Amino acid sequence: MAQPNPELRDPQQALADVRGELHECTDERDAAQAPELATAEVLRMINGSGGHVTPVFEAILEKALTLCEAAFGFLTVYETMCTASSNTTNNATNTARLTPIK
């Protein structure tokens, strides 16, 4: 009769270890893909914006907040003689306002 090899691991523990490694790899992959997915979503927003920049800037700010895990953010865009500002918190976006530069 064959004797069990003491060097072999418990199959249940080995399976649990492999599942843990798979979970870690999946998390790393998702984190690595997050910037590309956010960029693709913003590009889709730009493509469908019809020249309306406010939703595009709000999408950029929202994606940046998500990627950085930030509680709030502020975006200012300078164009000719006006600035467009938008600020966002976790769940609320204040729309952009054009303000003349003096």
PDB file of N, CA and C in Angstrom:
ATOM      1  N   MET A   1       0.833  -1.164   0.000  1.00  0.00           N
ATOM      2  CA  MET A   1       0.000   0.000   0.000  1.00  0.00           C
ATOM      3  C   MET A   1       0.895   1.250   0.000  1.00  0.00           C
ATOM      4  N   ALA A   2       0.527   2.234  -0.810  1.00  0.00           N
ATOM      5  CA  ALA A   2       1.331   3.444  -0.935  1.00  0.00           C
ATOM      6  C   ALA A   2       1.145   4.327   0.283  1.00  0.00           C
ATOM      7  N   GLN A   3       2.222   4.895   0.702  1.00  0.00           N
ATOM      8  CA  GLN A   3       2.208   5.803   1.846  1.00  0.00           C
ATOM      9  C   GLN A   3       1.946   7.231   1.350  1.00  0.00           C
ATOM     10  N   PRO A   4       1.129   8.030   2.051  1.00  0.00           N
ATOM     11  CA  PRO A   4       0.911   9.413   1.639  1.00  0.00           C
ATOM     12  C   PRO A   4       2.211  10.204   1.701  1.00  0.00           C
ATOM     13  N   ASN A   5       2.376  11.049   0.722  1.00  0.00           N
ATOM     14  CA  ASN A   5       3.566  11.894   0.657  1.00  0.00           C
ATOM     15  C   ASN A   5       3.358  13.078   1.599  1.00  0.00           C
ATOM     16  N   PRO A   6       4.182  13.236   2.610  1.00  0.00           N
ATOM     17  CA  PRO A   6       3.998  14.336   3.571  1.00  0.00           C
ATOM     18  C   PRO A   6       4.241  15.709   2.954  1.00  0.00           C
ATOM     19  N   GLU A   7       4.871  15.765   1.764  1.00  0.00           N
ATOM     20  CA  GLU A   7       5.139  17.039   1.121  1.00  0.00           C
ATOM     21  C   GLU A   7       3.918  17.579   0.386  1.00  0.00           C
ATOM     22  N   LEU A   8       2.911  16.728   0.134  1.00  0.00           N
ATOM     23  CA  LEU A   8       1.707  17.183  -0.554  1.00  0.00           C
ATOM     24  C   LEU A   8       0.860  18.014   0.387  1.00  0.00           C
ATOM     25  N   ARG A   9       0.284  19.067  -0.176  1.00  0.00           N
ATOM     26  CA  ARG A   9      -0.547  19.974   0.626  1.00  0.00           C
ATOM     27  C   ARG A   9      -1.969  19.446   0.717  1.00  0.00           C
ATOM     28  N   ASP A  10      -2.674  19.963   1.691  1.00  0.00           N
ATOM     29  CA  ASP A  10      -4.090  19.670   1.822  1.00  0.00           C
ATOM     30  C   ASP A  10      -4.797  20.235   0.588  1.00  0.00           C
ATOM     31  N   PRO A  11      -5.545  19.431  -0.172  1.00  0.00           N
ATOM     32  CA  PRO A  11      -6.193  19.921  -1.400  1.00  0.00           C
ATOM     33  C   PRO A  11      -7.156  21.083  -1.153  1.00  0.00           C
ATOM     34  N   GLN A  12      -7.861  21.088  -0.047  1.00  0.00           N
ATOM     35  CA  GLN A  12      -8.794  22.177   0.259  1.00  0.00           C
ATOM     36  C   GLN A  12      -8.035  23.483   0.486  1.00  0.00           C
ATOM     37  N   GLN A  13      -6.921  23.398   1.175  1.00  0.00           N
ATOM     38  CA  GLN A  13      -6.111  24.590   1.429  1.00  0.00           C
ATOM     39  C   GLN A  13      -5.477  25.082   0.132  1.00  0.00           C
ATOM     40  N   ALA A  14      -5.022  24.152  -0.689  1.00  0.00           N
ATOM     41  CA  ALA A  14      -4.428  24.532  -1.970  1.00  0.00           C
ATOM     42  C   ALA A  14      -5.461  25.244  -2.837  1.00  0.00           C
ATOM     43  N   LEU A  15      -6.694  24.750  -2.867  1.00  0.00           N
ATOM     44  CA  LEU A  15      -7.767  25.378  -3.638  1.00  0.00           C
ATOM     45  C   LEU A  15      -8.079  26.775  -3.090  1.00  0.00           C
ATOM     46  N   ALA A  16      -8.129  26.897  -1.782  1.00  0.00           N
ATOM     47  CA  ALA A  16      -8.382  28.208  -1.164  1.00  0.00           C
ATOM     48  C   ALA A  16      -7.267  29.188  -1.501  1.00  0.00           C
ATOM     49  N   ASP A  17      -6.027  28.726  -1.496  1.00  0.00           N
ATOM     50  CA  ASP A  17      -4.896  29.594  -1.841  1.00  0.00           C
ATOM     51  C   ASP A  17      -4.990  30.061  -3.293  1.00  0.00           C
ATOM     52  N   VAL A  18      -5.318  29.145  -4.193  1.00  0.00           N
ATOM     53  CA  VAL A  18      -5.431  29.503  -5.613  1.00  0.00           C
ATOM     54  C   VAL A  18      -6.581  30.481  -5.820  1.00  0.00           C
ATOM     55  N   ARG A  19      -7.691  30.285  -5.130  1.00  0.00           N
ATOM     56  CA  ARG A  19      -8.818  31.230  -5.245  1.00  0.00           C
ATOM     57  C   ARG A  19      -8.417  32.617  -4.739  1.00  0.00           C
ATOM     58  N   GLY A  20      -7.660  32.667  -3.656  1.00  0.00           N
ATOM     59  CA  GLY A  20      -7.187  33.947  -3.136  1.00  0.00           C
ATOM     60  C   GLY A  20      -6.272  34.650  -4.124  1.00  0.00           C
ATOM     61  N   GLU A  21      -5.361  33.888  -4.748  1.00  0.00           N
ATOM     62  CA  GLU A  21      -4.470  34.458  -5.751  1.00  0.00           C
ATOM     63  C   GLU A  21      -5.263  34.966  -6.956  1.00  0.00           C
ATOM     64  N   LEU A  22      -6.284  34.213  -7.369  1.00  0.00           N
ATOM     65  CA  LEU A  22      -7.124  34.630  -8.490  1.00  0.00           C
ATOM     66  C   LEU A  22      -7.844  35.937  -8.164  1.00  0.00           C
ATOM     67  N   HIS A  23      -8.354  36.050  -6.943  1.00  0.00           N
ATOM     68  CA  HIS A  23      -9.040  37.270  -6.517  1.00  0.00           C
ATOM     69  C   HIS A  23      -8.084  38.465  -6.544  1.00  0.00           C
ATOM     70  N   GLU A  24      -6.860  38.278  -6.061  1.00  0.00           N
ATOM     71  CA  GLU A  24      -5.861  39.348  -6.079  1.00  0.00           C
ATOM     72  C   GLU A  24      -5.537  39.766  -7.509  1.00  0.00           C
ATOM     73  N   CYS A  25      -5.369  38.779  -8.398  1.00  0.00           N
ATOM     74  CA  CYS A  25      -5.056  39.084  -9.801  1.00  0.00           C
ATOM     75  C   CYS A  25      -6.214  39.820 -10.468  1.00  0.00           C
ATOM     76  N   THR A  26      -7.430  39.419 -10.159  1.00  0.00           N
ATOM     77  CA  THR A  26      -8.602  40.081 -10.729  1.00  0.00           C
ATOM     78  C   THR A  26      -8.671  41.531 -10.262  1.00  0.00           C
ATOM     79  N   ASP A  27      -8.418  41.778  -8.982  1.00  0.00           N
ATOM     80  CA  ASP A  27      -8.415  43.148  -8.453  1.00  0.00           C
ATOM     81  C   ASP A  27      -7.332  43.994  -9.117  1.00  0.00           C
ATOM     82  N   GLU A  28      -6.142  43.416  -9.298  1.00  0.00           N
ATOM     83  CA  GLU A  28      -5.049  44.148  -9.950  1.00  0.00           C
ATOM     84  C   GLU A  28      -5.408  44.478 -11.398  1.00  0.00           C
ATOM     85  N   ARG A  29      -6.019  43.514 -12.098  1.00  0.00           N
ATOM     86  CA  ARG A  29      -6.416  43.750 -13.489  1.00  0.00           C
ATOM     87  C   ARG A  29      -7.455  44.855 -13.568  1.00  0.00           C
ATOM     88  N   ASP A  30      -8.456  44.803 -12.691  1.00  0.00           N
ATOM     89  CA  ASP A  30      -9.508  45.820 -12.696  1.00  0.00           C
ATOM     90  C   ASP A  30      -8.937  47.204 -12.413  1.00  0.00           C
ATOM     91  N   ALA A  31      -8.001  47.291 -11.471  1.00  0.00           N
ATOM     92  CA  ALA A  31      -7.377  48.580 -11.149  1.00  0.00           C
ATOM     93  C   ALA A  31      -6.556  49.100 -12.326  1.00  0.00           C
ATOM     94  N   ALA A  32      -5.892  48.197 -13.028  1.00  0.00           N
ATOM     95  CA  ALA A  32      -5.085  48.609 -14.182  1.00  0.00           C
ATOM     96  C   ALA A  32      -5.959  49.057 -15.347  1.00  0.00           C
ATOM     97  N   GLN A  33      -7.134  48.469 -15.487  1.00  0.00           N
ATOM     98  CA  GLN A  33      -8.028  48.816 -16.596  1.00  0.00           C
ATOM     99  C   GLN A  33      -8.893  50.034 -16.307  1.00  0.00           C
ATOM    100  N   ALA A  34      -9.021  50.437 -15.066  1.00  0.00           N
ATOM    101  CA  ALA A  34      -9.911  51.542 -14.706  1.00  0.00           C
ATOM    102  C   ALA A  34      -9.616  52.833 -15.469  1.00  0.00           C
ATOM    103  N   PRO A  35      -8.351  53.264 -15.597  1.00  0.00           N
ATOM    104  CA  PRO A  35      -8.106  54.501 -16.357  1.00  0.00           C
ATOM    105  C   PRO A  35      -8.524  54.387 -17.830  1.00  0.00           C
ATOM    106  N   GLU A  36      -8.274  53.232 -18.451  1.00  0.00           N
ATOM    107  CA  GLU A  36      -8.668  53.060 -19.845  1.00  0.00           C
ATOM    108  C   GLU A  36     -10.186  53.089 -20.007  1.00  0.00           C
ATOM    109  N   LEU A  37     -10.891  52.459 -19.078  1.00  0.00           N
ATOM    110  CA  LEU A  37     -12.355  52.466 -19.141  1.00  0.00           C
ATOM    111  C   LEU A  37     -12.907  53.872 -18.942  1.00  0.00           C
ATOM    112  N   ALA A  38     -12.327  54.618 -18.002  1.00  0.00           N
ATOM    113  CA  ALA A  38     -12.776  55.993 -17.766  1.00  0.00           C
ATOM    114  C   ALA A  38     -12.523  56.851 -19.002  1.00  0.00           C
ATOM    115  N   THR A  39     -11.365  56.671 -19.632  1.00  0.00           N
ATOM    116  CA  THR A  39     -11.049  57.424 -20.843  1.00  0.00           C
ATOM    117  C   THR A  39     -12.030  57.095 -21.954  1.00  0.00           C
ATOM    118  N   ALA A  40     -12.339  55.826 -22.124  1.00  0.00           N
ATOM    119  CA  ALA A  40     -13.284  55.416 -23.164  1.00  0.00           C
ATOM    120  C   ALA A  40     -14.664  56.020 -22.914  1.00  0.00           C
ATOM    121  N   GLU A  41     -15.096  56.056 -21.653  1.00  0.00           N
ATOM    122  CA  GLU A  41     -16.399  56.646 -21.339  1.00  0.00           C
ATOM    123  C   GLU A  41     -16.420  58.145 -21.635  1.00  0.00           C
ATOM    124  N   VAL A  42     -15.339  58.845 -21.296  1.00  0.00           N
ATOM    125  CA  VAL A  42     -15.269  60.287 -21.581  1.00  0.00           C
ATOM    126  C   VAL A  42     -15.253  60.513 -23.088  1.00  0.00           C
ATOM    127  N   LEU A  43     -14.524  59.693 -23.833  1.00  0.00           N
ATOM    128  CA  LEU A  43     -14.496  59.841 -25.294  1.00  0.00           C
ATOM    129  C   LEU A  43     -15.875  59.606 -25.901  1.00  0.00           C
ATOM    130  N   ARG A  44     -16.616  58.639 -25.367  1.00  0.00           N
ATOM    131  CA  ARG A  44     -18.001  58.426 -25.834  1.00  0.00           C
ATOM    132  C   ARG A  44     -18.856  59.650 -25.534  1.00  0.00           C
ATOM    133  N   MET A  45     -18.644  60.253 -24.364  1.00  0.00           N
ATOM    134  CA  MET A  45     -19.390  61.455 -23.981  1.00  0.00           C
ATOM    135  C   MET A  45     -19.058  62.599 -24.938  1.00  0.00           C
ATOM    136  N   ILE A  46     -17.777  62.760 -25.268  1.00  0.00           N
ATOM    137  CA  ILE A  46     -17.373  63.811 -26.203  1.00  0.00           C
ATOM    138  C   ILE A  46     -18.014  63.575 -27.562  1.00  0.00           C
ATOM    139  N   ASN A  47     -17.987  62.338 -28.021  1.00  0.00           N
ATOM    140  CA  ASN A  47     -18.553  61.991 -29.328  1.00  0.00           C
ATOM    141  C   ASN A  47     -20.039  62.289 -29.395  1.00  0.00           C
ATOM    142  N   GLY A  48     -20.757  62.091 -28.313  1.00  0.00           N
ATOM    143  CA  GLY A  48     -22.202  62.305 -28.314  1.00  0.00           C
ATOM    144  C   GLY A  48     -22.641  63.639 -27.766  1.00  0.00           C
ATOM    145  N   SER A  49     -21.695  64.535 -27.480  1.00  0.00           N
ATOM    146  CA  SER A  49     -22.049  65.787 -26.816  1.00  0.00           C
ATOM    147  C   SER A  49     -22.675  66.817 -27.743  1.00  0.00           C
ATOM    148  N   GLY A  50     -22.451  66.697 -29.021  1.00  0.00           N
ATOM    149  CA  GLY A  50     -23.012  67.677 -29.945  1.00  0.00           C
ATOM    150  C   GLY A  50     -22.491  69.090 -29.706  1.00  0.00           C
ATOM    151  N   GLY A  51     -21.277  69.204 -29.204  1.00  0.00           N
ATOM    152  CA  GLY A  51     -20.687  70.518 -28.971  1.00  0.00           C
ATOM    153  C   GLY A  51     -20.980  71.102 -27.609  1.00  0.00           C
ATOM    154  N   HIS A  52     -21.758  70.420 -26.801  1.00  0.00           N
ATOM    155  CA  HIS A  52     -22.069  70.902 -25.452  1.00  0.00           C
ATOM    156  C   HIS A  52     -20.970  70.411 -24.512  1.00  0.00           C
ATOM    157  N   VAL A  53     -20.160  71.338 -24.023  1.00  0.00           N
ATOM    158  CA  VAL A  53     -18.982  70.958 -23.247  1.00  0.00           C
ATOM    159  C   VAL A  53     -19.251  70.703 -21.771  1.00  0.00           C
ATOM    160  N   THR A  54     -20.300  71.270 -21.232  1.00  0.00           N
ATOM    161  CA  THR A  54     -20.553  71.110 -19.794  1.00  0.00           C
ATOM    162  C   THR A  54     -20.679  69.643 -19.388  1.00  0.00           C
ATOM    163  N   PRO A  55     -21.482  68.816 -20.087  1.00  0.00           N
ATOM    164  CA  PRO A  55     -21.548  67.407 -19.680  1.00  0.00           C
ATOM    165  C   PRO A  55     -20.210  66.682 -19.824  1.00  0.00           C
ATOM    166  N   VAL A  56     -19.414  67.105 -20.787  1.00  0.00           N
ATOM    167  CA  VAL A  56     -18.102  66.479 -20.980  1.00  0.00           C
ATOM    168  C   VAL A  56     -17.199  66.792 -19.796  1.00  0.00           C
ATOM    169  N   PHE A  57     -17.150  68.050 -19.381  1.00  0.00           N
ATOM    170  CA  PHE A  57     -16.320  68.422 -18.236  1.00  0.00           C
ATOM    171  C   PHE A  57     -16.816  67.743 -16.954  1.00  0.00           C
ATOM    172  N   GLU A  58     -18.124  67.640 -16.795  1.00  0.00           N
ATOM    173  CA  GLU A  58     -18.668  66.963 -15.614  1.00  0.00           C
ATOM    174  C   GLU A  58     -18.265  65.492 -15.623  1.00  0.00           C
ATOM    175  N   ALA A  59     -18.284  64.848 -16.796  1.00  0.00           N
ATOM    176  CA  ALA A  59     -17.875  63.446 -16.894  1.00  0.00           C
ATOM    177  C   ALA A  59     -16.396  63.287 -16.572  1.00  0.00           C
ATOM    178  N   ILE A  60     -15.571  64.208 -17.069  1.00  0.00           N
ATOM    179  CA  ILE A  60     -14.136  64.156 -16.774  1.00  0.00           C
ATOM    180  C   ILE A  60     -13.903  64.273 -15.272  1.00  0.00           C
ATOM    181  N   LEU A  61     -14.572  65.213 -14.646  1.00  0.00           N
ATOM    182  CA  LEU A  61     -14.414  65.420 -13.210  1.00  0.00           C
ATOM    183  C   LEU A  61     -14.912  64.208 -12.426  1.00  0.00           C
ATOM    184  N   GLU A  62     -16.042  63.659 -12.825  1.00  0.00           N
ATOM    185  CA  GLU A  62     -16.594  62.481 -12.139  1.00  0.00           C
ATOM    186  C   GLU A  62     -15.644  61.291 -12.236  1.00  0.00           C
ATOM    187  N   LYS A  63     -15.091  61.052 -13.427  1.00  0.00           N
ATOM    188  CA  LYS A  63     -14.170  59.926 -13.603  1.00  0.00           C
ATOM    189  C   LYS A  63     -12.888  60.142 -12.802  1.00  0.00           C
ATOM    190  N   ALA A  64     -12.397  61.368 -12.765  1.00  0.00           N
ATOM    191  CA  ALA A  64     -11.198  61.662 -11.982  1.00  0.00           C
ATOM    192  C   ALA A  64     -11.439  61.412 -10.498  1.00  0.00           C
ATOM    193  N   LEU A  65     -12.610  61.820 -10.004  1.00  0.00           N
ATOM    194  CA  LEU A  65     -12.945  61.585  -8.598  1.00  0.00           C
ATOM    195  C   LEU A  65     -12.986  60.095  -8.282  1.00  0.00           C
ATOM    196  N   THR A  66     -13.575  59.336  -9.185  1.00  0.00           N
ATOM    197  CA  THR A  66     -13.678  57.896  -8.975  1.00  0.00           C
ATOM    198  C   THR A  66     -12.298  57.243  -8.984  1.00  0.00           C
ATOM    199  N   LEU A  67     -11.488  57.585  -9.977  1.00  0.00           N
ATOM    200  CA  LEU A  67     -10.151  56.988 -10.071  1.00  0.00           C
ATOM    201  C   LEU A  67      -9.273  57.340  -8.886  1.00  0.00           C
ATOM    202  N   CYS A  68      -9.408  58.559  -8.390  1.00  0.00           N
ATOM    203  CA  CYS A  68      -8.576  59.019  -7.268  1.00  0.00           C
ATOM    204  C   CYS A  68      -9.212  58.730  -5.917  1.00  0.00           C
ATOM    205  N   GLU A  69     -10.430  58.196  -5.930  1.00  0.00           N
ATOM    206  CA  GLU A  69     -11.181  57.943  -4.695  1.00  0.00           C
ATOM    207  C   GLU A  69     -11.267  59.211  -3.851  1.00  0.00           C
ATOM    208  N   ALA A  70     -11.532  60.328  -4.522  1.00  0.00           N
ATOM    209  CA  ALA A  70     -11.600  61.627  -3.850  1.00  0.00           C
ATOM    210  C   ALA A  70     -13.020  61.926  -3.387  1.00  0.00           C
ATOM    211  N   ALA A  71     -13.143  62.688  -2.332  1.00  0.00           N
ATOM    212  CA  ALA A  71     -14.452  63.067  -1.794  1.00  0.00           C
ATOM    213  C   ALA A  71     -15.061  64.224  -2.574  1.00  0.00           C
ATOM    214  N   PHE A  72     -14.212  65.086  -3.149  1.00  0.00           N
ATOM    215  CA  PHE A  72     -14.717  66.220  -3.920  1.00  0.00           C
ATOM    216  C   PHE A  72     -13.658  66.623  -4.938  1.00  0.00           C
ATOM    217  N   GLY A  73     -14.085  67.423  -5.901  1.00  0.00           N
ATOM    218  CA  GLY A  73     -13.152  67.902  -6.912  1.00  0.00           C
ATOM    219  C   GLY A  73     -13.626  69.218  -7.486  1.00  0.00           C
ATOM    220  N   PHE A  74     -12.720  69.911  -8.148  1.00  0.00           N
ATOM    221  CA  PHE A  74     -13.034  71.205  -8.729  1.00  0.00           C
ATOM    222  C   PHE A  74     -12.302  71.308 -10.050  1.00  0.00           C
ATOM    223  N   LEU A  75     -12.994  71.744 -11.085  1.00  0.00           N
ATOM    224  CA  LEU A  75     -12.413  71.871 -12.423  1.00  0.00           C
ATOM    225  C   LEU A  75     -12.703  73.266 -12.941  1.00  0.00           C
ATOM    226  N   THR A  76     -11.666  73.954 -13.382  1.00  0.00           N
ATOM    227  CA  THR A  76     -11.824  75.283 -13.977  1.00  0.00           C
ATOM    228  C   THR A  76     -11.231  75.251 -15.373  1.00  0.00           C
ATOM    229  N   VAL A  77     -12.001  75.743 -16.332  1.00  0.00           N
ATOM    230  CA  VAL A  77     -11.560  75.800 -17.722  1.00  0.00           C
ATOM    231  C   VAL A  77     -11.524  77.258 -18.134  1.00  0.00           C
ATOM    232  N   TYR A  78     -10.403  77.692 -18.686  1.00  0.00           N
ATOM    233  CA  TYR A  78     -10.257  79.065 -19.139  1.00  0.00           C
ATOM    234  C   TYR A  78     -10.386  79.096 -20.661  1.00  0.00           C
ATOM    235  N   GLU A  79     -11.338  79.893 -21.148  1.00  0.00           N
ATOM    236  CA  GLU A  79     -11.528  80.074 -22.581  1.00  0.00           C
ATOM    237  C   GLU A  79     -11.663  81.562 -22.853  1.00  0.00           C
ATOM    238  N   THR A  80     -10.906  82.054 -23.745  1.00  0.00           N
ATOM    239  CA  THR A  80     -10.916  83.465 -24.134  1.00  0.00           C
ATOM    240  C   THR A  80     -11.085  84.363 -22.909  1.00  0.00           C
ATOM    241  N   MET A  81     -12.240  84.988 -22.760  1.00  0.00           N
ATOM    242  CA  MET A  81     -12.436  85.942 -21.677  1.00  0.00           C
ATOM    243  C   MET A  81     -13.410  85.430 -20.612  1.00  0.00           C
ATOM    244  N   CYS A  82     -13.650  84.116 -20.554  1.00  0.00           N
ATOM    245  CA  CYS A  82     -14.563  83.552 -19.556  1.00  0.00           C
ATOM    246  C   CYS A  82     -13.923  82.320 -18.924  1.00  0.00           C
ATOM    247  N   THR A  83     -14.379  81.970 -17.734  1.00  0.00           N
ATOM    248  CA  THR A  83     -13.976  80.712 -17.124  1.00  0.00           C
ATOM    249  C   THR A  83     -15.236  79.880 -16.920  1.00  0.00           C
ATOM    250  N   ALA A  84     -15.098  78.587 -17.065  1.00  0.00           N
ATOM    251  CA  ALA A  84     -16.202  77.667 -16.769  1.00  0.00           C
ATOM    252  C   ALA A  84     -15.779  76.837 -15.574  1.00  0.00           C
ATOM    253  N   SER A  85     -16.582  76.847 -14.539  1.00  0.00           N
ATOM    254  CA  SER A  85     -16.240  76.103 -13.330  1.00  0.00           C
ATOM    255  C   SER A  85     -17.282  75.044 -13.052  1.00  0.00           C
ATOM    256  N   SER A  86     -16.806  73.920 -12.542  1.00  0.00           N
ATOM    257  CA  SER A  86     -17.696  72.847 -12.133  1.00  0.00           C
ATOM    258  C   SER A  86     -17.089  72.212 -10.904  1.00  0.00           C
ATOM    259  N   ASN A  87     -17.912  71.915  -9.905  1.00  0.00           N
ATOM    260  CA  ASN A  87     -17.384  71.192  -8.756  1.00  0.00           C
ATOM    261  C   ASN A  87     -18.305  70.028  -8.455  1.00  0.00           C
ATOM    262  N   THR A  88     -17.719  68.988  -7.907  1.00  0.00           N
ATOM    263  CA  THR A  88     -18.444  67.752  -7.671  1.00  0.00           C
ATOM    264  C   THR A  88     -18.069  67.204  -6.311  1.00  0.00           C
ATOM    265  N   THR A  89     -19.055  66.648  -5.633  1.00  0.00           N
ATOM    266  CA  THR A  89     -18.807  65.872  -4.430  1.00  0.00           C
ATOM    267  C   THR A  89     -19.202  64.442  -4.755  1.00  0.00           C
ATOM    268  N   ASN A  90     -19.264  63.587  -3.769  1.00  0.00           N
ATOM    269  CA  ASN A  90     -19.556  62.175  -4.009  1.00  0.00           C
ATOM    270  C   ASN A  90     -20.741  61.949  -4.936  1.00  0.00           C
ATOM    271  N   ASN A  91     -21.861  62.580  -4.669  1.00  0.00           N
ATOM    272  CA  ASN A  91     -23.075  62.277  -5.419  1.00  0.00           C
ATOM    273  C   ASN A  91     -23.736  63.481  -6.074  1.00  0.00           C
ATOM    274  N   ALA A  92     -23.157  64.653  -5.950  1.00  0.00           N
ATOM    275  CA  ALA A  92     -23.817  65.855  -6.471  1.00  0.00           C
ATOM    276  C   ALA A  92     -22.867  66.655  -7.344  1.00  0.00           C
ATOM    277  N   THR A  93     -23.388  67.121  -8.453  1.00  0.00           N
ATOM    278  CA  THR A  93     -22.600  67.962  -9.349  1.00  0.00           C
ATOM    279  C   THR A  93     -23.276  69.312  -9.465  1.00  0.00           C
ATOM    280  N   ASN A  94     -22.536  70.380  -9.265  1.00  0.00           N
ATOM    281  CA  ASN A  94     -23.038  71.723  -9.511  1.00  0.00           C
ATOM    282  C   ASN A  94     -22.670  72.068 -10.942  1.00  0.00           C
ATOM    283  N   THR A  95     -23.632  72.543 -11.686  1.00  0.00           N
ATOM    284  CA  THR A  95     -23.403  72.794 -13.102  1.00  0.00           C
ATOM    285  C   THR A  95     -22.389  73.897 -13.307  1.00  0.00           C
ATOM    286  N   ALA A  96     -21.784  73.872 -14.477  1.00  0.00           N
ATOM    287  CA  ALA A  96     -20.755  74.856 -14.807  1.00  0.00           C
ATOM    288  C   ALA A  96     -21.380  76.229 -14.966  1.00  0.00           C
ATOM    289  N   ARG A  97     -20.628  77.234 -14.545  1.00  0.00           N
ATOM    290  CA  ARG A  97     -21.061  78.619 -14.680  1.00  0.00           C
ATOM    291  C   ARG A  97     -19.995  79.379 -15.439  1.00  0.00           C
ATOM    292  N   LEU A  98     -20.415  80.169 -16.414  1.00  0.00           N
ATOM    293  CA  LEU A  98     -19.465  81.024 -17.131  1.00  0.00           C
ATOM    294  C   LEU A  98     -19.308  82.316 -16.362  1.00  0.00           C
ATOM    295  N   THR A  99     -18.095  82.696 -16.104  1.00  0.00           N
ATOM    296  CA  THR A  99     -17.798  83.915 -15.364  1.00  0.00           C
ATOM    297  C   THR A  99     -16.815  84.746 -16.172  1.00  0.00           C
ATOM    298  N   PRO A 100     -17.145  86.026 -16.452  1.00  0.00           N
ATOM    299  CA  PRO A 100     -16.191  86.870 -17.194  1.00  0.00           C
ATOM    300  C   PRO A 100     -14.911  87.083 -16.388  1.00  0.00           C
ATOM    301  N   ILE A 101     -13.780  87.080 -17.086  1.00  0.00           N
ATOM    302  CA  ILE A 101     -12.489  87.367 -16.453  1.00  0.00           C
ATOM    303  C   ILE A 101     -12.280  88.867 -16.532  1.00  0.00           C
ATOM    304  N   LYS A 102     -11.938  89.481 -15.405  1.00  0.00           N
ATOM    305  CA  LYS A 102     -11.757  90.933 -15.374  1.00  0.00           C
ATOM    306  C   LYS A 102     -10.304  91.278 -15.356  1.00  0.00           C
TER     307      LYS A 102
END
